[in-house]
Amino acid sequence: MPVTITRRTGAGLAIAGVLALALSACSPSTSSDGPSSSSSGSPSSSSSAVADGSSPAPTSKSAAPTPVPASSKGPAKNWPVPTLPSQAADHTLKGAAAFGTYYFSLIEFTSTTNDTNAIKKYSTSSCKICQDDVIGPSDRNRKNKSWNAGGAYHPTMTAARFSGDDDALVSFKYDQDKRYVYTSPGEVEKIYAKTKRPIYGTLALIWDNGWKVQSINIVES
């Protein structure tokens, strides 16, 4: 579905019935930061290369750790942090819509890894759902050594408009896959069923050298 771009300013869109994003759980997680690559090859002698006519052996780099998705065995490991698309860095309505899609990928990443560093960068401290239903639970999950598995989001940004020079409202809908909450390997604490119908809502964004989420409003479909 194409994004509807509305170029008008005005008061923020009022949406009733704020709901949690269904991200609460208990989980710990390993950090997604993998060890940096290092050179393991030995420098070759230039004199020996001249003597036998061979080229110096190429230096080798240690292989990057293999990403492991979250499962009943544990949280995601070595999972790459989602990369901000170039368009999502634009101070435009299309940029705001692209950022909205990106933010959902951060929510999913945070839920399955318990790594909150990336999402904190793109969330304001005043965003209640960001703090109470995404960042806070994942930080607690990490301490409690619990985690989420599954629960992939399938979002679509449906409209975007400016509500001020540096403020934008991005409407969305999403479906979410079944999600499992584990407290130890193989021990399921809770199962959240796949959504039966799309969930609708709005992201209120502010431009601060890049888009950030000021609030998330969810309405029941």
C-alpha atoms as a PDB file:
ATOM      1  CA  MET A   1       0.000   0.000   0.000  1.00  0.00           C
ATOM      2  CA  PRO A   2       1.467   3.378  -0.978  1.00  0.00           C
ATOM      3  CA  VAL A   3       1.981   5.978   1.717  1.00  0.00           C
ATOM      4  CA  THR A   4      -0.435   8.895   1.584  1.00  0.00           C
ATOM      5  CA  ILE A   5       1.531  12.130   1.866  1.00  0.00           C
ATOM      6  CA  THR A   6      -0.502  15.029   3.238  1.00  0.00           C
ATOM      7  CA  ARG A   7       1.295  18.358   3.280  1.00  0.00           C
ATOM      8  CA  ARG A   8      -0.660  20.321   5.829  1.00  0.00           C
ATOM      9  CA  THR A   9       0.153  21.467   9.305  1.00  0.00           C
ATOM     10  CA  GLY A  10      -2.097  21.423  12.307  1.00  0.00           C
ATOM     11  CA  ALA A  11      -2.620  19.951  15.719  1.00  0.00           C
ATOM     12  CA  GLY A  12      -1.452  16.445  16.459  1.00  0.00           C
ATOM     13  CA  LEU A  13      -3.752  13.600  15.504  1.00  0.00           C
ATOM     14  CA  ALA A  14      -5.805  12.482  18.495  1.00  0.00           C
ATOM     15  CA  ILE A  15      -6.240   8.732  18.785  1.00  0.00           C
ATOM     16  CA  ALA A  16      -8.067   7.152  21.697  1.00  0.00           C
ATOM     17  CA  GLY A  17      -7.233   3.913  23.426  1.00  0.00           C
ATOM     18  CA  VAL A  18      -3.486   3.679  23.893  1.00  0.00           C
ATOM     19  CA  LEU A  19      -2.471   0.057  24.163  1.00  0.00           C
ATOM     20  CA  ALA A  20       0.788  -1.640  25.037  1.00  0.00           C
ATOM     21  CA  LEU A  21       2.738  -2.963  22.052  1.00  0.00           C
ATOM     22  CA  ALA A  22       2.740  -6.488  23.502  1.00  0.00           C
ATOM     23  CA  LEU A  23       6.455  -6.507  24.124  1.00  0.00           C
ATOM     24  CA  SER A  24       6.473  -7.096  27.859  1.00  0.00           C
ATOM     25  CA  ALA A  25       8.209 -10.276  28.930  1.00  0.00           C
ATOM     26  CA  CYS A  26      11.084 -11.331  31.029  1.00  0.00           C
ATOM     27  CA  SER A  27      14.249 -11.750  29.207  1.00  0.00           C
ATOM     28  CA  PRO A  28      17.968 -11.466  29.371  1.00  0.00           C
ATOM     29  CA  SER A  29      19.919 -11.391  26.283  1.00  0.00           C
ATOM     30  CA  THR A  30      23.359 -11.536  25.012  1.00  0.00           C
ATOM     31  CA  SER A  31      24.706  -8.388  23.474  1.00  0.00           C
ATOM     32  CA  SER A  32      24.452  -8.198  19.720  1.00  0.00           C
ATOM     33  CA  ASP A  33      27.899  -6.708  19.507  1.00  0.00           C
ATOM     34  CA  GLY A  34      30.231  -9.270  18.006  1.00  0.00           C
ATOM     35  CA  PRO A  35      34.022  -9.248  18.382  1.00  0.00           C
ATOM     36  CA  SER A  36      35.728  -7.037  15.895  1.00  0.00           C
ATOM     37  CA  SER A  37      37.665  -8.625  13.106  1.00  0.00           C
ATOM     38  CA  SER A  38      41.407  -8.811  13.607  1.00  0.00           C
ATOM     39  CA  SER A  39      44.255  -9.718  11.340  1.00  0.00           C
ATOM     40  CA  SER A  40      45.697 -13.155  12.056  1.00  0.00           C
ATOM     41  CA  GLY A  41      48.070 -13.518   9.147  1.00  0.00           C
ATOM     42  CA  SER A  42      51.825 -13.346   9.686  1.00  0.00           C
ATOM     43  CA  PRO A  43      53.768 -10.678   7.808  1.00  0.00           C
ATOM     44  CA  SER A  44      55.894 -12.228   5.071  1.00  0.00           C
ATOM     45  CA  SER A  45      59.520 -11.466   4.511  1.00  0.00           C
ATOM     46  CA  SER A  46      60.193  -9.380   1.412  1.00  0.00           C
ATOM     47  CA  SER A  47      63.596 -10.982   0.982  1.00  0.00           C
ATOM     48  CA  SER A  48      62.190 -14.514   0.905  1.00  0.00           C
ATOM     49  CA  ALA A  49      59.526 -13.436  -1.598  1.00  0.00           C
ATOM     50  CA  VAL A  50      62.251 -12.193  -3.924  1.00  0.00           C
ATOM     51  CA  ALA A  51      64.312 -15.329  -3.410  1.00  0.00           C
ATOM     52  CA  ASP A  52      61.630 -17.854  -4.363  1.00  0.00           C
ATOM     53  CA  GLY A  53      59.625 -15.656  -6.731  1.00  0.00           C
ATOM     54  CA  SER A  54      56.390 -16.016  -4.776  1.00  0.00           C
ATOM     55  CA  SER A  55      54.051 -13.284  -3.580  1.00  0.00           C
ATOM     56  CA  PRO A  56      53.594 -12.601   0.112  1.00  0.00           C
ATOM     57  CA  ALA A  57      50.749 -14.635   1.627  1.00  0.00           C
ATOM     58  CA  PRO A  58      47.560 -12.551   2.002  1.00  0.00           C
ATOM     59  CA  THR A  59      46.573 -11.695   5.540  1.00  0.00           C
ATOM     60  CA  SER A  60      43.400 -13.371   6.758  1.00  0.00           C
ATOM     61  CA  LYS A  61      40.686 -12.009   8.974  1.00  0.00           C
ATOM     62  CA  SER A  62      38.830 -13.917  11.634  1.00  0.00           C
ATOM     63  CA  ALA A  63      35.351 -14.913  10.528  1.00  0.00           C
ATOM     64  CA  ALA A  64      32.498 -12.807  11.871  1.00  0.00           C
ATOM     65  CA  PRO A  65      30.437 -14.614  14.520  1.00  0.00           C
ATOM     66  CA  THR A  66      27.422 -16.383  13.097  1.00  0.00           C
ATOM     67  CA  PRO A  67      24.099 -14.689  13.887  1.00  0.00           C
ATOM     68  CA  VAL A  68      21.811 -16.999  15.852  1.00  0.00           C
ATOM     69  CA  PRO A  69      18.087 -16.158  16.001  1.00  0.00           C
ATOM     70  CA  ALA A  70      16.156 -16.254  19.253  1.00  0.00           C
ATOM     71  CA  SER A  71      14.698 -19.675  19.998  1.00  0.00           C
ATOM     72  CA  SER A  72      13.692 -21.925  22.889  1.00  0.00           C
ATOM     73  CA  LYS A  73      17.416 -22.284  23.613  1.00  0.00           C
ATOM     74  CA  GLY A  74      18.128 -18.612  24.213  1.00  0.00           C
ATOM     75  CA  PRO A  75      17.885 -15.045  22.944  1.00  0.00           C
ATOM     76  CA  ALA A  76      19.295 -13.945  19.622  1.00  0.00           C
ATOM     77  CA  LYS A  77      23.084 -13.831  19.530  1.00  0.00           C
ATOM     78  CA  ASN A  78      25.373 -11.811  17.262  1.00  0.00           C
ATOM     79  CA  TRP A  79      22.248 -10.428  15.606  1.00  0.00           C
ATOM     80  CA  PRO A  80      23.033  -7.403  13.412  1.00  0.00           C
ATOM     81  CA  VAL A  81      21.539  -4.090  14.447  1.00  0.00           C
ATOM     82  CA  PRO A  82      19.131  -2.896  11.727  1.00  0.00           C
ATOM     83  CA  THR A  83      20.742  -0.305   9.478  1.00  0.00           C
ATOM     84  CA  LEU A  84      19.001   3.044   9.072  1.00  0.00           C
ATOM     85  CA  PRO A  85      17.975   3.355   5.384  1.00  0.00           C
ATOM     86  CA  SER A  86      19.316   6.446   3.662  1.00  0.00           C
ATOM     87  CA  GLN A  87      15.806   7.740   2.915  1.00  0.00           C
ATOM     88  CA  ALA A  88      14.862   7.446   6.614  1.00  0.00           C
ATOM     89  CA  ALA A  89      17.489  10.108   7.357  1.00  0.00           C
ATOM     90  CA  ASP A  90      15.730  12.697   5.175  1.00  0.00           C
ATOM     91  CA  HIS A  91      13.783  15.589   6.699  1.00  0.00           C
ATOM     92  CA  THR A  92      10.828  14.863   4.431  1.00  0.00           C
ATOM     93  CA  LEU A  93       7.513  13.054   4.711  1.00  0.00           C
ATOM     94  CA  LYS A  94       8.861  10.133   2.706  1.00  0.00           C
ATOM     95  CA  GLY A  95      11.805  10.107   5.085  1.00  0.00           C
ATOM     96  CA  ALA A  96       9.451  10.069   8.073  1.00  0.00           C
ATOM     97  CA  ALA A  97       7.518   7.132   6.599  1.00  0.00           C
ATOM     98  CA  ALA A  98      10.733   5.213   5.906  1.00  0.00           C
ATOM     99  CA  PHE A  99      11.843   5.907   9.464  1.00  0.00           C
ATOM    100  CA  GLY A 100       8.546   4.497  10.755  1.00  0.00           C
ATOM    101  CA  THR A 101       9.245   1.183   9.048  1.00  0.00           C
ATOM    102  CA  TYR A 102      12.780   1.245  10.409  1.00  0.00           C
ATOM    103  CA  TYR A 103      11.560   1.854  13.954  1.00  0.00           C
ATOM    104  CA  PHE A 104       9.482  -1.319  13.842  1.00  0.00           C
ATOM    105  CA  SER A 105      12.613  -3.259  12.903  1.00  0.00           C
ATOM    106  CA  LEU A 106      14.270  -1.770  16.003  1.00  0.00           C
ATOM    107  CA  ILE A 107      11.352  -2.847  18.194  1.00  0.00           C
ATOM    108  CA  GLU A 108      11.671  -6.410  16.895  1.00  0.00           C
ATOM    109  CA  PHE A 109      15.465  -6.366  17.299  1.00  0.00           C
ATOM    110  CA  THR A 110      15.149  -5.102  20.867  1.00  0.00           C
ATOM    111  CA  SER A 111      12.523  -7.696  21.759  1.00  0.00           C
ATOM    112  CA  THR A 112      14.593 -10.680  20.637  1.00  0.00           C
ATOM    113  CA  THR A 113      18.062  -9.527  21.731  1.00  0.00           C
ATOM    114  CA  ASN A 114      17.338  -7.394  24.829  1.00  0.00           C
ATOM    115  CA  ASP A 115      19.844  -4.911  23.391  1.00  0.00           C
ATOM    116  CA  THR A 116      18.254  -1.490  23.930  1.00  0.00           C
ATOM    117  CA  ASN A 117      21.142   0.720  22.817  1.00  0.00           C
ATOM    118  CA  ALA A 118      19.934   1.263  19.249  1.00  0.00           C
ATOM    119  CA  ILE A 119      16.291   1.971  20.037  1.00  0.00           C
ATOM    120  CA  LYS A 120      17.240   4.417  22.795  1.00  0.00           C
ATOM    121  CA  LYS A 121      19.063   6.482  20.176  1.00  0.00           C
ATOM    122  CA  TYR A 122      15.851   6.950  18.200  1.00  0.00           C
ATOM    123  CA  SER A 123      13.356   7.338  21.081  1.00  0.00           C
ATOM    124  CA  THR A 124      12.748  10.413  23.207  1.00  0.00           C
ATOM    125  CA  SER A 125      12.618  10.056  26.982  1.00  0.00           C
ATOM    126  CA  SER A 126       9.043  11.386  26.865  1.00  0.00           C
ATOM    127  CA  CYS A 127       7.764   8.502  24.719  1.00  0.00           C
ATOM    128  CA  LYS A 128       5.825   6.483  27.291  1.00  0.00           C
ATOM    129  CA  ILE A 129       5.240   3.346  25.217  1.00  0.00           C
ATOM    130  CA  CYS A 130       8.844   3.400  23.988  1.00  0.00           C
ATOM    131  CA  GLN A 131      10.120   3.493  27.559  1.00  0.00           C
ATOM    132  CA  ASP A 132       7.468   1.446  29.404  1.00  0.00           C
ATOM    133  CA  ASP A 133       6.633  -1.240  26.843  1.00  0.00           C
ATOM    134  CA  VAL A 134       9.814  -1.682  24.817  1.00  0.00           C
ATOM    135  CA  ILE A 135      12.987  -0.389  26.469  1.00  0.00           C
ATOM    136  CA  GLY A 136      12.119  -1.022  30.127  1.00  0.00           C
ATOM    137  CA  PRO A 137      10.923  -4.631  29.695  1.00  0.00           C
ATOM    138  CA  SER A 138      13.937  -5.553  27.550  1.00  0.00           C
ATOM    139  CA  ASP A 139      16.346  -4.079  30.108  1.00  0.00           C
ATOM    140  CA  ARG A 140      14.584  -6.115  32.822  1.00  0.00           C
ATOM    141  CA  ASN A 141      14.577  -9.205  30.629  1.00  0.00           C
ATOM    142  CA  ARG A 142      18.331  -8.962  30.279  1.00  0.00           C
ATOM    143  CA  LYS A 143      18.726  -8.837  34.064  1.00  0.00           C
ATOM    144  CA  ASN A 144      16.208 -11.625  34.644  1.00  0.00           C
ATOM    145  CA  LYS A 145      17.810 -13.849  32.004  1.00  0.00           C
ATOM    146  CA  SER A 146      14.579 -14.322  30.085  1.00  0.00           C
ATOM    147  CA  TRP A 147      13.865 -13.608  26.437  1.00  0.00           C
ATOM    148  CA  ASN A 148      11.374 -13.396  23.590  1.00  0.00           C
ATOM    149  CA  ALA A 149      11.361 -15.558  20.480  1.00  0.00           C
ATOM    150  CA  GLY A 150       9.210 -15.120  17.409  1.00  0.00           C
ATOM    151  CA  GLY A 151       6.844 -12.163  17.310  1.00  0.00           C
ATOM    152  CA  ALA A 152       8.025 -10.755  13.980  1.00  0.00           C
ATOM    153  CA  TYR A 153       6.326  -7.514  12.920  1.00  0.00           C
ATOM    154  CA  HIS A 154       4.875  -6.900   9.472  1.00  0.00           C
ATOM    155  CA  PRO A 155       4.266  -3.124   9.379  1.00  0.00           C
ATOM    156  CA  THR A 156       2.928  -0.849   6.658  1.00  0.00           C
ATOM    157  CA  MET A 157       3.099   2.939   6.857  1.00  0.00           C
ATOM    158  CA  THR A 158      -0.233   4.189   5.501  1.00  0.00           C
ATOM    159  CA  ALA A 159       0.010   7.996   5.729  1.00  0.00           C
ATOM    160  CA  ALA A 160       2.346  10.802   6.751  1.00  0.00           C
ATOM    161  CA  ARG A 161       1.898  14.500   7.365  1.00  0.00           C
ATOM    162  CA  PHE A 162       3.735  17.357   9.033  1.00  0.00           C
ATOM    163  CA  SER A 163       2.168  18.700  12.226  1.00  0.00           C
ATOM    164  CA  GLY A 164       4.839  21.392  12.572  1.00  0.00           C
ATOM    165  CA  ASP A 165       8.115  22.397  10.968  1.00  0.00           C
ATOM    166  CA  ASP A 166       9.996  19.606  12.752  1.00  0.00           C
ATOM    167  CA  ASP A 167       7.129  17.312  13.718  1.00  0.00           C
ATOM    168  CA  ALA A 168       5.494  14.582  11.676  1.00  0.00           C
ATOM    169  CA  LEU A 169       2.706  12.066  12.194  1.00  0.00           C
ATOM    170  CA  VAL A 170       3.049   8.688  10.509  1.00  0.00           C
ATOM    171  CA  SER A 171       0.051   6.360  10.502  1.00  0.00           C
ATOM    172  CA  PHE A 172       0.675   2.623  10.370  1.00  0.00           C
ATOM    173  CA  LYS A 173      -0.857  -0.794  10.599  1.00  0.00           C
ATOM    174  CA  TYR A 174       0.883  -4.031  11.479  1.00  0.00           C
ATOM    175  CA  ASP A 175       0.434  -7.742  12.008  1.00  0.00           C
ATOM    176  CA  GLN A 176       2.575  -9.668  14.473  1.00  0.00           C
ATOM    177  CA  ASP A 177       3.535 -13.348  14.487  1.00  0.00           C
ATOM    178  CA  LYS A 178       3.131 -15.627  17.494  1.00  0.00           C
ATOM    179  CA  ARG A 179       5.565 -14.720  20.280  1.00  0.00           C
ATOM    180  CA  TYR A 180       7.037 -16.914  23.006  1.00  0.00           C
ATOM    181  CA  VAL A 181       8.409 -15.720  26.341  1.00  0.00           C
ATOM    182  CA  TYR A 182      11.090 -17.947  27.868  1.00  0.00           C
ATOM    183  CA  THR A 183      12.522 -17.816  31.380  1.00  0.00           C
ATOM    184  CA  SER A 184      15.094 -20.560  30.775  1.00  0.00           C
ATOM    185  CA  PRO A 185      15.914 -22.933  27.895  1.00  0.00           C
ATOM    186  CA  GLY A 186      12.736 -24.777  26.972  1.00  0.00           C
ATOM    187  CA  GLU A 187      10.690 -23.141  29.739  1.00  0.00           C
ATOM    188  CA  VAL A 188       7.844 -21.087  28.259  1.00  0.00           C
ATOM    189  CA  GLU A 189       6.365 -18.467  30.570  1.00  0.00           C
ATOM    190  CA  LYS A 190       3.773 -17.142  28.147  1.00  0.00           C
ATOM    191  CA  ILE A 191       2.654 -17.407  24.527  1.00  0.00           C
ATOM    192  CA  TYR A 192       1.100 -14.504  22.624  1.00  0.00           C
ATOM    193  CA  ALA A 193      -0.985 -15.608  19.648  1.00  0.00           C
ATOM    194  CA  LYS A 194      -0.519 -14.214  16.158  1.00  0.00           C
ATOM    195  CA  THR A 195      -2.662 -11.134  15.645  1.00  0.00           C
ATOM    196  CA  LYS A 196      -5.993 -11.984  14.062  1.00  0.00           C
ATOM    197  CA  ARG A 197      -6.422  -8.576  12.434  1.00  0.00           C
ATOM    198  CA  PRO A 198      -4.154  -5.588  11.790  1.00  0.00           C
ATOM    199  CA  ILE A 199      -3.317  -3.196  14.622  1.00  0.00           C
ATOM    200  CA  TYR A 200      -3.518   0.487  13.709  1.00  0.00           C
ATOM    201  CA  GLY A 201      -1.793   3.491  15.204  1.00  0.00           C
ATOM    202  CA  THR A 202       0.336   6.579  14.751  1.00  0.00           C
ATOM    203  CA  LEU A 203       3.954   7.488  15.395  1.00  0.00           C
ATOM    204  CA  ALA A 204       4.555  11.087  16.456  1.00  0.00           C
ATOM    205  CA  LEU A 205       8.058  12.021  15.279  1.00  0.00           C
ATOM    206  CA  ILE A 206      10.323  14.967  15.953  1.00  0.00           C
ATOM    207  CA  TRP A 207      13.319  16.032  13.878  1.00  0.00           C
ATOM    208  CA  ASP A 208      16.474  16.429  15.978  1.00  0.00           C
ATOM    209  CA  ASN A 209      19.363  15.945  13.568  1.00  0.00           C
ATOM    210  CA  GLY A 210      17.358  12.918  12.509  1.00  0.00           C
ATOM    211  CA  TRP A 211      13.917  11.506  13.272  1.00  0.00           C
ATOM    212  CA  LYS A 212      13.041  10.351  16.786  1.00  0.00           C
ATOM    213  CA  VAL A 213       9.813   8.925  18.195  1.00  0.00           C
ATOM    214  CA  GLN A 214       7.972  11.232  20.596  1.00  0.00           C
ATOM    215  CA  SER A 215       4.981   8.986  21.171  1.00  0.00           C
ATOM    216  CA  ILE A 216       3.224   5.896  19.875  1.00  0.00           C
ATOM    217  CA  ASN A 217      -0.575   5.778  19.806  1.00  0.00           C
ATOM    218  CA  ILE A 218      -2.221   2.418  19.229  1.00  0.00           C
ATOM    219  CA  VAL A 219      -5.904   1.829  18.506  1.00  0.00           C
ATOM    220  CA  GLU A 220      -7.673  -1.492  18.425  1.00  0.00           C
ATOM    221  CA  SER A 221      -8.817  -2.512  14.974  1.00  0.00           C
END
